[in-house]
């Protein structure tokens, strides 16, 4: 966890890479794409805590079809900047069986977490799996999963804002920033 002073130092040195207006435009486009694909399916929507809380909260209000909502909590990062071992904090509930499931996550980085979520949900008997991520990071290599819906594409940098954090801070920003390389 960063101190207040450290948090501000990171923010002041950061580069704005996706302004709030672009974030909102991406949300509108995503809501239209998801509604067109899933509007007649009454999906179970699972938000991946804690990064997807901002994305999920804003996207859900734009989806104009019936859905059920729940959450899961799995992480490979904790407060680290690189992924480690997968840790399930809250598993999907039994209500995924026979359902079309839409998983919402903040960022598709290397893809291991989202792929593990897909595998777990399908093993629990889901009728179908879809994923929507706010950001898809261009990492320069093949990922084990591709999101069905992606809001923005980001460079292979450490980013924060709009649900994504830097050592626990700045999830609350309406825009996306990249940590300064210096």
Protein backbone atom coordinates (compact mmCIF):
# COMPACT_ATOMS: atom_id res chain seq x y z
CA UNK A 1 0.00 0.00 0.00
CA UNK A 2 1.31 3.39 -0.96
CA UNK A 3 1.39 6.42 1.25
CA UNK A 4 -0.61 9.46 0.20
CA UNK A 5 2.61 11.20 -0.82
CA UNK A 6 3.79 8.21 -2.90
CA UNK A 7 0.40 7.95 -4.60
CA UNK A 8 0.47 11.61 -5.64
CA UNK A 9 4.06 11.30 -6.86
CA UNK A 10 3.09 8.42 -9.18
CA UNK A 11 0.02 10.30 -10.43
CA UNK A 12 1.90 13.53 -11.15
CA UNK A 13 4.56 11.65 -13.15
CA UNK A 14 2.03 9.47 -15.05
CA UNK A 15 1.03 9.83 -18.68
CA UNK A 16 -2.64 10.14 -19.60
CA UNK A 17 -3.28 7.49 -22.24
CA UNK A 18 -7.08 7.31 -22.34
CA UNK A 19 -9.06 10.44 -21.38
CA UNK A 20 -12.37 10.14 -19.54
CA UNK A 21 -14.31 11.03 -22.71
CA UNK A 22 -12.77 8.06 -24.55
CA UNK A 23 -13.54 5.81 -21.57
CA UNK A 24 -17.21 6.82 -21.73
CA UNK A 25 -17.35 6.39 -25.52
CA UNK A 26 -15.88 2.89 -25.15
CA UNK A 27 -18.52 2.03 -22.53
CA UNK A 28 -21.33 3.14 -24.84
CA UNK A 29 -19.95 1.10 -27.74
CA UNK A 30 -19.47 -1.96 -25.53
CA UNK A 31 -23.01 -1.72 -24.17
CA UNK A 32 -24.39 -1.67 -27.71
CA UNK A 33 -22.26 -4.64 -28.80
CA UNK A 34 -23.16 -6.68 -25.72
CA UNK A 35 -26.86 -5.84 -26.02
CA UNK A 36 -26.89 -6.87 -29.68
CA UNK A 37 -25.24 -10.21 -28.87
CA UNK A 38 -26.81 -11.07 -25.52
CA UNK A 39 -30.06 -9.10 -25.30
CA UNK A 40 -32.25 -12.17 -25.66
CA UNK A 41 -30.26 -14.56 -23.42
CA UNK A 42 -30.89 -13.34 -19.83
CA UNK A 43 -27.26 -13.98 -18.86
CA UNK A 44 -25.68 -14.33 -15.46
CA UNK A 45 -23.18 -11.48 -15.28
CA UNK A 46 -20.16 -12.05 -13.04
CA UNK A 47 -17.94 -9.13 -12.11
CA UNK A 48 -14.34 -9.89 -11.22
CA UNK A 49 -13.50 -8.06 -7.99
CA UNK A 50 -11.91 -5.72 -7.24
CA UNK A 51 -10.62 -4.28 -10.55
CA UNK A 52 -13.87 -4.65 -12.47
CA UNK A 53 -16.04 -2.84 -9.93
CA UNK A 54 -15.85 0.54 -11.71
CA UNK A 55 -16.26 -0.98 -15.18
CA UNK A 56 -19.12 -3.25 -14.07
CA UNK A 57 -20.95 -0.53 -12.18
CA UNK A 58 -20.95 1.83 -15.13
CA UNK A 59 -21.54 -0.77 -17.85
CA UNK A 60 -24.49 -2.47 -16.11
CA UNK A 61 -26.54 0.73 -16.18
CA UNK A 62 -26.18 0.83 -19.97
CA UNK A 63 -27.30 -2.75 -20.67
CA UNK A 64 -30.95 -2.73 -21.68
CA UNK A 65 -31.96 -6.34 -21.13
CA UNK A 66 -32.73 -8.58 -18.16
CA UNK A 67 -29.76 -10.17 -16.43
CA UNK A 68 -28.76 -11.66 -13.10
CA UNK A 69 -25.68 -10.33 -11.34
CA UNK A 70 -23.09 -11.78 -9.02
CA UNK A 71 -19.37 -11.50 -8.47
CA UNK A 72 -16.24 -13.59 -8.19
CA UNK A 73 -12.90 -12.69 -6.69
CA UNK A 74 -9.74 -14.15 -8.13
CA UNK A 75 -6.34 -12.57 -8.46
CA UNK A 76 -2.87 -13.22 -9.76
CA UNK A 77 -1.55 -9.82 -8.76
CA UNK A 78 -2.54 -8.74 -5.25
CA UNK A 79 -0.62 -5.46 -4.90
CA UNK A 80 2.19 -6.66 -7.18
CA UNK A 81 2.93 -5.45 -10.70
CA UNK A 82 3.44 -8.92 -12.18
CA UNK A 83 1.13 -11.90 -12.05
CA UNK A 84 1.82 -14.79 -9.73
CA UNK A 85 -0.13 -17.82 -8.55
CA UNK A 86 -3.90 -17.75 -9.08
CA UNK A 87 -5.77 -17.15 -5.82
CA UNK A 88 -9.54 -17.79 -5.64
CA UNK A 89 -11.04 -15.60 -2.92
CA UNK A 90 -14.72 -16.03 -3.93
CA UNK A 91 -15.63 -18.86 -6.28
CA UNK A 92 -18.53 -18.78 -8.71
CA UNK A 93 -21.72 -20.03 -7.09
CA UNK A 94 -23.70 -23.04 -8.26
CA UNK A 95 -26.09 -20.71 -10.10
CA UNK A 96 -23.80 -20.82 -13.16
CA UNK A 97 -25.03 -24.32 -14.08
CA UNK A 98 -27.11 -24.21 -17.25
CA UNK A 99 -26.66 -20.45 -17.63
CA UNK A 100 -25.04 -18.28 -20.25
CA UNK A 101 -22.39 -16.39 -18.28
CA UNK A 102 -20.89 -13.01 -19.09
CA UNK A 103 -17.73 -12.22 -17.10
CA UNK A 104 -16.72 -8.56 -16.74
CA UNK A 105 -13.10 -7.74 -15.97
CA UNK A 106 -11.03 -4.58 -15.97
CA UNK A 107 -8.10 -5.66 -18.14
CA UNK A 108 -7.00 -8.58 -20.27
CA UNK A 109 -3.27 -8.61 -19.64
CA UNK A 110 -1.62 -12.00 -20.18
CA UNK A 111 -5.03 -13.73 -20.10
CA UNK A 112 -4.29 -16.41 -17.51
CA UNK A 113 -6.85 -15.21 -14.96
CA UNK A 114 -9.68 -14.87 -17.47
CA UNK A 115 -8.85 -18.27 -19.01
CA UNK A 116 -8.97 -19.85 -15.53
CA UNK A 117 -12.32 -18.19 -14.86
CA UNK A 118 -13.67 -19.52 -18.17
CA UNK A 119 -12.45 -23.02 -17.37
CA UNK A 120 -13.97 -22.93 -13.85
CA UNK A 121 -17.34 -21.59 -15.05
CA UNK A 122 -17.59 -24.15 -17.86
CA UNK A 123 -16.56 -26.99 -15.51
CA UNK A 124 -19.42 -25.91 -13.24
CA UNK A 125 -21.89 -26.53 -16.08
CA UNK A 126 -22.41 -23.12 -17.70
CA UNK A 127 -24.26 -23.31 -21.01
CA UNK A 128 -21.98 -20.68 -22.53
CA UNK A 129 -19.20 -18.28 -21.64
CA UNK A 130 -18.65 -14.71 -22.81
CA UNK A 131 -16.21 -12.14 -21.54
CA UNK A 132 -16.08 -8.37 -21.69
CA UNK A 133 -13.01 -6.45 -20.62
CA UNK A 134 -12.65 -2.73 -20.35
CA UNK A 135 -9.06 -2.84 -21.63
CA UNK A 136 -7.10 -5.30 -23.74
CA UNK A 137 -3.36 -4.85 -23.30
CA UNK A 138 -1.16 -5.40 -26.35
CA UNK A 139 1.57 -7.63 -24.92
CA UNK A 140 3.10 -8.80 -28.18
CA UNK A 141 2.36 -12.50 -27.73
CA UNK A 142 -0.53 -14.93 -27.99
CA UNK A 143 -2.94 -15.07 -25.05
CA UNK A 144 -4.79 -18.18 -23.85
CA UNK A 145 -8.13 -16.39 -24.26
CA UNK A 146 -9.57 -13.57 -26.33
CA UNK A 147 -12.33 -11.38 -24.91
CA UNK A 148 -15.62 -11.40 -26.79
CA UNK A 149 -15.95 -7.68 -26.10
CA UNK A 150 -13.16 -5.18 -25.43
CA UNK A 151 -13.50 -1.47 -24.73
CA UNK A 152 -10.06 -0.06 -25.44
CA UNK A 153 -6.65 -1.32 -26.48
CA UNK A 154 -3.69 -0.33 -24.33
CA UNK A 155 0.06 -0.43 -24.87
CA UNK A 156 2.17 -2.88 -22.92
CA UNK A 157 2.74 -0.54 -19.97
CA UNK A 158 1.72 -0.56 -16.33
CA UNK A 159 -1.61 1.29 -16.29
CA UNK A 160 -4.02 2.55 -13.65
CA UNK A 161 -7.35 4.30 -13.38
CA UNK A 162 -10.93 3.29 -14.17
CA UNK A 163 -10.74 0.32 -11.80
CA UNK A 164 -7.11 -0.59 -12.40
CA UNK A 165 -4.76 0.21 -9.56
CA UNK A 166 -1.14 1.04 -8.91
CA UNK A 167 -0.16 -0.66 -5.64
CA UNK A 168 -3.77 -0.38 -4.45
CA UNK A 169 -4.25 3.30 -5.33
CA UNK A 170 -6.05 5.27 -8.05
CA UNK A 171 -8.78 2.78 -9.08
CA UNK A 172 -11.19 5.71 -8.73
CA UNK A 173 -9.90 7.78 -11.66
CA UNK A 174 -12.28 8.35 -14.62
CA UNK A 175 -9.40 8.07 -17.13
CA UNK A 176 -6.50 5.68 -17.70
CA UNK A 177 -2.88 6.57 -17.03
CA UNK A 178 0.46 4.82 -17.56
CA UNK A 179 3.09 4.79 -14.86
CA UNK A 180 6.12 6.85 -15.82
CA UNK A 181 9.02 4.75 -17.05
CA UNK A 182 11.47 7.07 -15.28
